[in-house]
PDB file of N, CA and C in Angstrom:
ATOM      1  N   MET A   1      -3.058 -12.231   3.202  1.00  0.00           N
ATOM      2  CA  MET A   1      -2.271 -11.047   2.577  1.00  0.00           C
ATOM      3  C   MET A   1      -3.204  -9.646   2.646  1.00  0.00           C
ATOM      4  N   LEU A   2      -2.496  -8.590   2.527  1.00  0.00           N
ATOM      5  CA  LEU A   2      -3.079  -7.356   2.349  1.00  0.00           C
ATOM      6  C   LEU A   2      -3.866  -7.187   1.263  1.00  0.00           C
ATOM      7  N   SER A   3      -5.111  -6.645   1.396  1.00  0.00           N
ATOM      8  CA  SER A   3      -5.916  -6.354   0.253  1.00  0.00           C
ATOM      9  C   SER A   3      -6.012  -4.790  -0.112  1.00  0.00           C
ATOM     10  N   VAL A   4      -6.390  -4.514  -1.214  1.00  0.00           N
ATOM     11  CA  VAL A   4      -6.541  -3.087  -1.391  1.00  0.00           C
ATOM     12  C   VAL A   4      -7.823  -2.667  -2.106  1.00  0.00           C
ATOM     13  N   THR A   5      -8.399  -1.564  -1.671  1.00  0.00           N
ATOM     14  CA  THR A   5      -9.739  -1.163  -2.211  1.00  0.00           C
ATOM     15  C   THR A   5      -9.428  -0.717  -3.560  1.00  0.00           C
ATOM     16  N   GLU A   6     -10.766  -0.405  -4.225  1.00  0.00           N
ATOM     17  CA  GLU A   6     -10.751   0.212  -5.600  1.00  0.00           C
ATOM     18  C   GLU A   6     -10.323   1.517  -5.354  1.00  0.00           C
ATOM     19  N   ASN A   7     -10.712   2.365  -4.323  1.00  0.00           N
ATOM     20  CA  ASN A   7     -10.338   3.822  -4.083  1.00  0.00           C
ATOM     21  C   ASN A   7      -8.954   3.937  -3.969  1.00  0.00           C
ATOM     22  N   ALA A   8      -8.214   2.915  -3.076  1.00  0.00           N
ATOM     23  CA  ALA A   8      -6.673   2.901  -2.990  1.00  0.00           C
ATOM     24  C   ALA A   8      -6.044   2.515  -4.216  1.00  0.00           C
ATOM     25  N   GLN A   9      -6.512   1.740  -4.835  1.00  0.00           N
ATOM     26  CA  GLN A   9      -5.947   1.439  -6.300  1.00  0.00           C
ATOM     27  C   GLN A   9      -5.993   2.705  -7.147  1.00  0.00           C
ATOM     28  N   THR A  10      -7.150   3.388  -7.292  1.00  0.00           N
ATOM     29  CA  THR A  10      -7.128   4.540  -8.075  1.00  0.00           C
ATOM     30  C   THR A  10      -6.097   5.571  -7.689  1.00  0.00           C
ATOM     31  N   LEU A  11      -6.138   5.773  -6.487  1.00  0.00           N
ATOM     32  CA  LEU A  11      -5.157   6.907  -5.793  1.00  0.00           C
ATOM     33  C   LEU A  11      -3.756   6.299  -6.017  1.00  0.00           C
ATOM     34  N   VAL A  12      -3.355   5.167  -5.769  1.00  0.00           N
ATOM     35  CA  VAL A  12      -2.107   4.652  -6.013  1.00  0.00           C
ATOM     36  C   VAL A  12      -1.687   4.883  -7.371  1.00  0.00           C
ATOM     37  N   GLU A  13      -2.574   4.499  -8.315  1.00  0.00           N
ATOM     38  CA  GLU A  13      -2.249   4.686  -9.754  1.00  0.00           C
ATOM     39  C   GLU A  13      -1.825   6.170  -9.976  1.00  0.00           C
ATOM     40  N   GLY A  14      -2.713   7.000  -9.422  1.00  0.00           N
ATOM     41  CA  GLY A  14      -2.675   8.547  -9.781  1.00  0.00           C
ATOM     42  C   GLY A  14      -1.287   8.895  -9.108  1.00  0.00           C
ATOM     43  N   LEU A  15      -1.023   8.630  -7.949  1.00  0.00           N
ATOM     44  CA  LEU A  15       0.193   9.004  -7.362  1.00  0.00           C
ATOM     45  C   LEU A  15       1.598   8.543  -8.159  1.00  0.00           C
ATOM     46  N   ALA A  16       1.446   7.315  -8.445  1.00  0.00           N
ATOM     47  CA  ALA A  16       2.570   6.528  -9.175  1.00  0.00           C
ATOM     48  C   ALA A  16       2.777   7.366 -10.669  1.00  0.00           C
ATOM     49  N   THR A  17       1.743   7.643 -11.247  1.00  0.00           N
ATOM     50  CA  THR A  17       1.615   8.415 -12.630  1.00  0.00           C
ATOM     51  C   THR A  17       2.277   9.765 -12.245  1.00  0.00           C
ATOM     52  N   GLU A  18       1.757  10.542 -11.279  1.00  0.00           N
ATOM     53  CA  GLU A  18       2.305  11.900 -11.122  1.00  0.00           C
ATOM     54  C   GLU A  18       3.723  11.916 -10.879  1.00  0.00           C
ATOM     55  N   ALA A  19       4.307  10.789 -10.085  1.00  0.00           N
ATOM     56  CA  ALA A  19       5.795  10.744  -9.756  1.00  0.00           C
ATOM     57  C   ALA A  19       6.638  10.100 -10.752  1.00  0.00           C
ATOM     58  N   GLY A  20       5.780   9.805 -11.989  1.00  0.00           N
ATOM     59  CA  GLY A  20       6.762   9.203 -13.255  1.00  0.00           C
ATOM     60  C   GLY A  20       7.162   7.913 -12.942  1.00  0.00           C
ATOM     61  N   LEU A  21       6.690   7.023 -12.037  1.00  0.00           N
ATOM     62  CA  LEU A  21       7.220   5.768 -11.648  1.00  0.00           C
ATOM     63  C   LEU A  21       7.037   4.853 -13.024  1.00  0.00           C
ATOM     64  N   ALA A  22       7.983   3.842 -13.114  1.00  0.00           N
ATOM     65  CA  ALA A  22       7.795   3.036 -14.233  1.00  0.00           C
ATOM     66  C   ALA A  22       6.826   1.976 -13.892  1.00  0.00           C
ATOM     67  N   ASP A  23       6.432   1.103 -14.795  1.00  0.00           N
ATOM     68  CA  ASP A  23       5.596   0.146 -14.565  1.00  0.00           C
ATOM     69  C   ASP A  23       5.817  -0.830 -13.298  1.00  0.00           C
ATOM     70  N   ASN A  24       6.879  -1.002 -13.084  1.00  0.00           N
ATOM     71  CA  ASN A  24       7.174  -1.900 -11.714  1.00  0.00           C
ATOM     72  C   ASN A  24       7.383  -1.056 -10.523  1.00  0.00           C
ATOM     73  N   GLY A  25       6.857   0.221 -10.658  1.00  0.00           N
ATOM     74  CA  GLY A  25       6.901   1.043  -9.362  1.00  0.00           C
ATOM     75  C   GLY A  25       5.467   1.197  -8.652  1.00  0.00           C
ATOM     76  N   GLY A  26       5.622   1.582  -7.346  1.00  0.00           N
ATOM     77  CA  GLY A  26       4.264   1.437  -6.615  1.00  0.00           C
ATOM     78  C   GLY A  26       4.482   2.285  -5.184  1.00  0.00           C
ATOM     79  N   LEU A  27       3.424   2.018  -4.402  1.00  0.00           N
ATOM     80  CA  LEU A  27       3.483   2.378  -3.045  1.00  0.00           C
ATOM     81  C   LEU A  27       4.081   1.288  -2.187  1.00  0.00           C
ATOM     82  N   ARG A  28       4.878   1.879  -1.307  1.00  0.00           N
ATOM     83  CA  ARG A  28       5.658   0.908  -0.182  1.00  0.00           C
ATOM     84  C   ARG A  28       5.201   1.351   1.206  1.00  0.00           C
ATOM     85  N   ILE A  29       4.727   0.170   1.826  1.00  0.00           N
ATOM     86  CA  ILE A  29       4.638   0.250   3.312  1.00  0.00           C
ATOM     87  C   ILE A  29       5.478  -0.414   4.127  1.00  0.00           C
ATOM     88  N   ALA A  30       6.065   0.375   5.108  1.00  0.00           N
ATOM     89  CA  ALA A  30       7.106  -0.187   6.103  1.00  0.00           C
ATOM     90  C   ALA A  30       7.134   0.178   7.397  1.00  0.00           C
ATOM     91  N   MET A  31       7.570  -0.327   8.295  1.00  0.00           N
ATOM     92  CA  MET A  31       7.670   0.111   9.625  1.00  0.00           C
ATOM     93  C   MET A  31       8.679   1.195   9.770  1.00  0.00           C
ATOM     94  N   ALA A  32       8.330   2.281  10.461  1.00  0.00           N
ATOM     95  CA  ALA A  32       9.046   3.214  10.753  1.00  0.00           C
ATOM     96  C   ALA A  32      10.269   3.038  11.617  1.00  0.00           C
ATOM     97  N   GLU A  33      11.381   3.824  11.491  1.00  0.00           N
ATOM     98  CA  GLU A  33      12.651   3.407  12.355  1.00  0.00           C
ATOM     99  C   GLU A  33      12.343   3.070  13.883  1.00  0.00           C
ATOM    100  N   ASP A  34      11.456   3.788  14.271  1.00  0.00           N
ATOM    101  CA  ASP A  34      11.133   3.667  15.870  1.00  0.00           C
ATOM    102  C   ASP A  34      10.199   2.429  15.988  1.00  0.00           C
ATOM    103  N   GLN A  35       9.766   1.843  15.004  1.00  0.00           N
ATOM    104  CA  GLN A  35       8.904   0.660  14.987  1.00  0.00           C
ATOM    105  C   GLN A  35       7.534   0.960  15.582  1.00  0.00           C
ATOM    106  N   THR A  36       7.077   2.160  15.679  1.00  0.00           N
ATOM    107  CA  THR A  36       5.822   2.277  16.304  1.00  0.00           C
ATOM    108  C   THR A  36       4.772   2.901  15.190  1.00  0.00           C
ATOM    109  N   GLN A  37       5.193   3.086  14.077  1.00  0.00           N
ATOM    110  CA  GLN A  37       4.286   3.679  13.065  1.00  0.00           C
ATOM    111  C   GLN A  37       4.802   3.205  11.676  1.00  0.00           C
ATOM    112  N   LEU A  38       3.736   3.084  10.893  1.00  0.00           N
ATOM    113  CA  LEU A  38       4.007   2.668   9.611  1.00  0.00           C
ATOM    114  C   LEU A  38       4.408   4.062   8.479  1.00  0.00           C
ATOM    115  N   GLU A  39       5.230   3.739   7.520  1.00  0.00           N
ATOM    116  CA  GLU A  39       5.524   4.814   6.605  1.00  0.00           C
ATOM    117  C   GLU A  39       5.112   4.349   5.298  1.00  0.00           C
ATOM    118  N   VAL A  40       4.681   5.325   4.657  1.00  0.00           N
ATOM    119  CA  VAL A  40       4.084   5.085   3.289  1.00  0.00           C
ATOM    120  C   VAL A  40       4.951   5.771   2.424  1.00  0.00           C
ATOM    121  N   SER A  41       5.622   5.366   1.344  1.00  0.00           N
ATOM    122  CA  SER A  41       6.345   6.143   0.227  1.00  0.00           C
ATOM    123  C   SER A  41       6.006   5.463  -1.090  1.00  0.00           C
ATOM    124  N   LEU A  42       6.523   6.319  -2.112  1.00  0.00           N
ATOM    125  CA  LEU A  42       6.523   5.787  -3.313  1.00  0.00           C
ATOM    126  C   LEU A  42       7.854   5.182  -3.748  1.00  0.00           C
ATOM    127  N   ALA A  43       7.889   4.106  -4.588  1.00  0.00           N
ATOM    128  CA  ALA A  43       9.192   3.435  -4.845  1.00  0.00           C
ATOM    129  C   ALA A  43       9.058   3.016  -6.211  1.00  0.00           C
ATOM    130  N   PRO A  44      10.383   3.287  -6.657  1.00  0.00           N
ATOM    131  CA  PRO A  44      10.466   2.854  -8.124  1.00  0.00           C
ATOM    132  C   PRO A  44      10.452   1.322  -8.332  1.00  0.00           C
ATOM    133  N   GLU A  45      10.604   0.419  -7.240  1.00  0.00           N
ATOM    134  CA  GLU A  45      10.614  -1.076  -7.326  1.00  0.00           C
ATOM    135  C   GLU A  45      10.492  -1.536  -5.992  1.00  0.00           C
ATOM    136  N   PRO A  46      10.032  -2.905  -5.777  1.00  0.00           N
ATOM    137  CA  PRO A  46      10.093  -3.541  -4.442  1.00  0.00           C
ATOM    138  C   PRO A  46      11.450  -3.480  -4.035  1.00  0.00           C
ATOM    139  N   GLN A  47      11.675  -3.794  -2.879  1.00  0.00           N
ATOM    140  CA  GLN A  47      12.869  -4.170  -1.999  1.00  0.00           C
ATOM    141  C   GLN A  47      13.005  -5.530  -1.877  1.00  0.00           C
ATOM    142  N   PRO A  48      14.110  -5.941  -1.849  1.00  0.00           N
ATOM    143  CA  PRO A  48      14.318  -7.658  -1.699  1.00  0.00           C
ATOM    144  C   PRO A  48      13.498  -7.970  -0.551  1.00  0.00           C
ATOM    145  N   GLY A  49      12.495  -8.959  -0.694  1.00  0.00           N
ATOM    146  CA  GLY A  49      12.036  -9.584   0.353  1.00  0.00           C
ATOM    147  C   GLY A  49      10.594  -9.121   0.526  1.00  0.00           C
ATOM    148  N   ASP A  50      10.171  -7.763  -0.057  1.00  0.00           N
ATOM    149  CA  ASP A  50       8.968  -7.108  -0.128  1.00  0.00           C
ATOM    150  C   ASP A  50       7.890  -7.986  -0.626  1.00  0.00           C
ATOM    151  N   GLN A  51       6.771  -7.966  -0.071  1.00  0.00           N
ATOM    152  CA  GLN A  51       5.567  -8.596  -0.586  1.00  0.00           C
ATOM    153  C   GLN A  51       4.902  -7.777  -1.468  1.00  0.00           C
ATOM    154  N   VAL A  52       4.594  -8.108  -2.699  1.00  0.00           N
ATOM    155  CA  VAL A  52       4.093  -7.334  -3.835  1.00  0.00           C
ATOM    156  C   VAL A  52       2.592  -7.639  -3.794  1.00  0.00           C
ATOM    157  N   VAL A  53       1.754  -6.708  -3.653  1.00  0.00           N
ATOM    158  CA  VAL A  53       0.239  -6.818  -3.928  1.00  0.00           C
ATOM    159  C   VAL A  53      -0.180  -6.090  -5.127  1.00  0.00           C
ATOM    160  N   ASP A  54      -0.745  -6.787  -6.004  1.00  0.00           N
ATOM    161  CA  ASP A  54      -1.392  -5.961  -7.166  1.00  0.00           C
ATOM    162  C   ASP A  54      -2.493  -4.956  -6.776  1.00  0.00           C
ATOM    163  N   ALA A  55      -2.360  -3.744  -7.494  1.00  0.00           N
ATOM    164  CA  ALA A  55      -3.425  -2.749  -6.995  1.00  0.00           C
ATOM    165  C   ALA A  55      -3.671  -2.213  -8.494  1.00  0.00           C
ATOM    166  N   GLY A  56      -4.431  -2.871  -9.000  1.00  0.00           N
ATOM    167  CA  GLY A  56      -4.717  -2.384 -10.638  1.00  0.00           C
ATOM    168  C   GLY A  56      -3.431  -2.232 -11.492  1.00  0.00           C
ATOM    169  N   GLN A  57      -3.326  -1.008 -11.963  1.00  0.00           N
ATOM    170  CA  GLN A  57      -2.245  -0.640 -12.785  1.00  0.00           C
ATOM    171  C   GLN A  57      -0.861  -0.345 -11.975  1.00  0.00           C
ATOM    172  N   SER A  58      -0.884  -0.451 -10.623  1.00  0.00           N
ATOM    173  CA  SER A  58       0.289  -0.061  -9.825  1.00  0.00           C
ATOM    174  C   SER A  58       0.425  -1.227  -8.781  1.00  0.00           C
ATOM    175  N   LYS A  59       1.238  -1.065  -8.006  1.00  0.00           N
ATOM    176  CA  LYS A  59       1.451  -2.173  -6.903  1.00  0.00           C
ATOM    177  C   LYS A  59       1.687  -1.507  -5.467  1.00  0.00           C
ATOM    178  N   VAL A  60       1.525  -2.316  -4.635  1.00  0.00           N
ATOM    179  CA  VAL A  60       1.560  -1.945  -3.287  1.00  0.00           C
ATOM    180  C   VAL A  60       2.786  -3.006  -2.746  1.00  0.00           C
ATOM    181  N   PHE A  61       3.779  -2.293  -2.325  1.00  0.00           N
ATOM    182  CA  PHE A  61       4.916  -3.306  -1.835  1.00  0.00           C
ATOM    183  C   PHE A  61       4.816  -3.110  -0.171  1.00  0.00           C
ATOM    184  N   VAL A  62       4.881  -4.242   0.471  1.00  0.00           N
ATOM    185  CA  VAL A  62       4.817  -4.259   1.886  1.00  0.00           C
ATOM    186  C   VAL A  62       6.111  -5.028   2.361  1.00  0.00           C
ATOM    187  N   ALA A  63       6.877  -4.194   3.165  1.00  0.00           N
ATOM    188  CA  ALA A  63       8.158  -4.712   3.767  1.00  0.00           C
ATOM    189  C   ALA A  63       8.233  -6.083   4.501  1.00  0.00           C
ATOM    190  N   GLU A  64       9.161  -6.716   4.199  1.00  0.00           N
ATOM    191  CA  GLU A  64       9.184  -8.191   4.845  1.00  0.00           C
ATOM    192  C   GLU A  64       8.582  -8.153   6.256  1.00  0.00           C
ATOM    193  N   ASP A  65       9.323  -7.287   6.970  1.00  0.00           N
ATOM    194  CA  ASP A  65       9.065  -7.374   8.485  1.00  0.00           C
ATOM    195  C   ASP A  65       7.530  -6.750   8.734  1.00  0.00           C
ATOM    196  N   THR A  66       6.960  -6.094   7.954  1.00  0.00           N
ATOM    197  CA  THR A  66       5.808  -5.495   8.152  1.00  0.00           C
ATOM    198  C   THR A  66       4.444  -6.296   7.726  1.00  0.00           C
ATOM    199  N   ALA A  67       4.898  -7.156   6.830  1.00  0.00           N
ATOM    200  CA  ALA A  67       3.780  -7.952   5.981  1.00  0.00           C
ATOM    201  C   ALA A  67       3.105  -8.856   7.220  1.00  0.00           C
ATOM    202  N   PRO A  68       3.567  -9.459   8.219  1.00  0.00           N
ATOM    203  CA  PRO A  68       2.628 -10.242   9.279  1.00  0.00           C
ATOM    204  C   PRO A  68       1.658  -9.387   9.813  1.00  0.00           C
ATOM    205  N   ALA A  69       2.015  -8.040  10.075  1.00  0.00           N
ATOM    206  CA  ALA A  69       1.056  -7.165  10.742  1.00  0.00           C
ATOM    207  C   ALA A  69       0.065  -6.642   9.854  1.00  0.00           C
ATOM    208  N   LEU A  70       0.136  -6.665   8.800  1.00  0.00           N
ATOM    209  CA  LEU A  70      -0.881  -6.270   7.743  1.00  0.00           C
ATOM    210  C   LEU A  70      -1.525  -7.416   6.944  1.00  0.00           C
ATOM    211  N   GLU A  71      -1.275  -8.534   7.366  1.00  0.00           N
ATOM    212  CA  GLU A  71      -1.821  -9.867   6.744  1.00  0.00           C
ATOM    213  C   GLU A  71      -3.195  -9.982   6.473  1.00  0.00           C
ATOM    214  N   ASN A  72      -4.171  -9.429   7.378  1.00  0.00           N
ATOM    215  CA  ASN A  72      -5.420  -9.512   7.423  1.00  0.00           C
ATOM    216  C   ASN A  72      -6.059  -7.984   7.491  1.00  0.00           C
ATOM    217  N   GLN A  73      -5.499  -7.029   6.742  1.00  0.00           N
ATOM    218  CA  GLN A  73      -5.862  -5.758   6.645  1.00  0.00           C
ATOM    219  C   GLN A  73      -6.226  -5.502   5.274  1.00  0.00           C
ATOM    220  N   THR A  74      -6.995  -4.402   5.171  1.00  0.00           N
ATOM    221  CA  THR A  74      -7.511  -3.781   3.856  1.00  0.00           C
ATOM    222  C   THR A  74      -7.027  -2.339   3.786  1.00  0.00           C
ATOM    223  N   LEU A  75      -6.288  -1.910   2.776  1.00  0.00           N
ATOM    224  CA  LEU A  75      -5.852  -0.769   2.690  1.00  0.00           C
ATOM    225  C   LEU A  75      -6.815   0.183   1.880  1.00  0.00           C
ATOM    226  N   ASP A  76      -7.360   1.315   2.372  1.00  0.00           N
ATOM    227  CA  ASP A  76      -8.105   2.126   1.752  1.00  0.00           C
ATOM    228  C   ASP A  76      -7.616   3.567   1.513  1.00  0.00           C
ATOM    229  N   ALA A  77      -8.040   4.374   0.918  1.00  0.00           N
ATOM    230  CA  ALA A  77      -7.496   5.771   0.583  1.00  0.00           C
ATOM    231  C   ALA A  77      -8.567   6.760   0.283  1.00  0.00           C
ATOM    232  N   THR A  78      -8.310   7.942   0.668  1.00  0.00           N
ATOM    233  CA  THR A  78      -9.349   9.033   0.157  1.00  0.00           C
ATOM    234  C   THR A  78      -8.546  10.251   0.074  1.00  0.00           C
ATOM    235  N   GLN A  79      -8.905  11.079  -0.843  1.00  0.00           N
ATOM    236  CA  GLN A  79      -8.387  12.263  -1.191  1.00  0.00           C
ATOM    237  C   GLN A  79      -8.923  13.405  -0.265  1.00  0.00           C
ATOM    238  N   THR A  80      -8.050  14.044   0.348  1.00  0.00           N
ATOM    239  CA  THR A  80      -8.440  15.178   1.331  1.00  0.00           C
ATOM    240  C   THR A  80      -7.927  16.647   0.906  1.00  0.00           C
ATOM    241  N   GLU A  81      -8.107  17.759   1.295  1.00  0.00           N
ATOM    242  CA  GLU A  81      -7.433  18.815   1.211  1.00  0.00           C
ATOM    243  C   GLU A  81      -5.990  18.812   1.336  1.00  0.00           C
ATOM    244  N   GLN A  82      -5.551  17.992   2.368  1.00  0.00           N
ATOM    245  CA  GLN A  82      -4.113  17.890   2.675  1.00  0.00           C
ATOM    246  C   GLN A  82      -3.423  16.787   1.826  1.00  0.00           C
ATOM    247  N   GLY A  83      -4.246  16.084   0.786  1.00  0.00           N
ATOM    248  CA  GLY A  83      -3.327  15.119   0.054  1.00  0.00           C
ATOM    249  C   GLY A  83      -4.287  13.882   0.155  1.00  0.00           C
ATOM    250  N   VAL A  84      -3.315  12.695  -0.158  1.00  0.00           N
ATOM    251  CA  VAL A  84      -4.197  11.494  -0.089  1.00  0.00           C
ATOM    252  C   VAL A  84      -4.031  10.835   1.365  1.00  0.00           C
ATOM    253  N   GLY A  85      -5.063  10.427   1.960  1.00  0.00           N
ATOM    254  CA  GLY A  85      -5.034   9.794   3.286  1.00  0.00           C
ATOM    255  C   GLY A  85      -5.064   8.204   3.182  1.00  0.00           C
ATOM    256  N   PHE A  86      -4.456   7.499   3.771  1.00  0.00           N
ATOM    257  CA  PHE A  86      -4.529   5.969   3.835  1.00  0.00           C
ATOM    258  C   PHE A  86      -4.885   5.423   5.034  1.00  0.00           C
ATOM    259  N   THR A  87      -5.901   4.402   5.051  1.00  0.00           N
ATOM    260  CA  THR A  87      -6.281   3.855   6.365  1.00  0.00           C
ATOM    261  C   THR A  87      -6.315   2.285   6.193  1.00  0.00           C
ATOM    262  N   LEU A  88      -5.989   1.728   7.199  1.00  0.00           N
ATOM    263  CA  LEU A  88      -6.102   0.130   7.436  1.00  0.00           C
ATOM    264  C   LEU A  88      -7.253  -0.310   8.045  1.00  0.00           C
ATOM    265  N   THR A  89      -7.942  -1.138   7.840  1.00  0.00           N
ATOM    266  CA  THR A  89      -9.001  -1.883   8.591  1.00  0.00           C
ATOM    267  C   THR A  89      -9.050  -3.285   8.264  1.00  0.00           C
ATOM    268  N   PRO A  90      -9.364  -3.859   9.473  1.00  0.00           N
ATOM    269  CA  PRO A  90      -9.422  -5.486   9.466  1.00  0.00           C
ATOM    270  C   PRO A  90     -10.390  -5.994   8.319  1.00  0.00           C
ATOM    271  N   GLN A  91      -9.758  -6.933   7.686  1.00  0.00           N
ATOM    272  CA  GLN A  91     -10.625  -7.672   6.626  1.00  0.00           C
ATOM    273  C   GLN A  91     -12.041  -8.264   7.132  1.00  0.00           C
ATOM    274  N   GLN A  92     -13.041  -8.285   6.433  1.00  0.00           N
ATOM    275  CA  GLN A  92     -14.250  -8.772   6.844  1.00  0.00           C
ATOM    276  C   GLN A  92     -13.967 -10.425   6.518  1.00  0.00           C
ATOM    277  N   GLU A  93     -14.488 -11.240   7.556  1.00  0.00           N
ATOM    278  CA  GLU A  93     -14.520 -12.687   7.396  1.00  0.00           C
ATOM    279  C   GLU A  93     -15.434 -13.023   6.396  1.00  0.00           C
ATOM    280  N   ALA A  94     -15.178 -13.925   5.606  1.00  0.00           N
ATOM    281  CA  ALA A  94     -16.052 -14.351   4.521  1.00  0.00           C
ATOM    282  C   ALA A  94     -17.008 -15.391   5.191  1.00  0.00           C
ATOM    283  N   THR A  95     -18.366 -15.244   5.108  1.00  0.00           N
ATOM    284  CA  THR A  95     -19.300 -16.054   5.662  1.00  0.00           C
ATOM    285  C   THR A  95     -20.054 -17.015   4.615  1.00  0.00           C
ATOM    286  N   SER A  96     -20.313 -18.338   5.099  1.00  0.00           N
ATOM    287  CA  SER A  96     -20.574 -19.253   3.930  1.00  0.00           C
ATOM    288  C   SER A  96     -22.248 -19.406   4.032  1.00  0.00           C
TER     289      SER A  96
END
């Protein structure tokens, strides 16, 4: 399942609050229509079939057809002059 860093949690919460989303709203990640890029948007609630990932006070929704591609990824975010930038990186394998 997609994991979310503390940085991303904080920025998703800020974006959701600024947008006036209710408690069940959050950030949604889905494939673009051309199926070559991911789209990130704010959503008032998950779409049917979305995977819901807890991100602190807010949620991250992953579209059903996108979830397998993000299964072992970590979502991070940084604030830039142009706005919030999101990145995905492979999750680190746990070592025993």
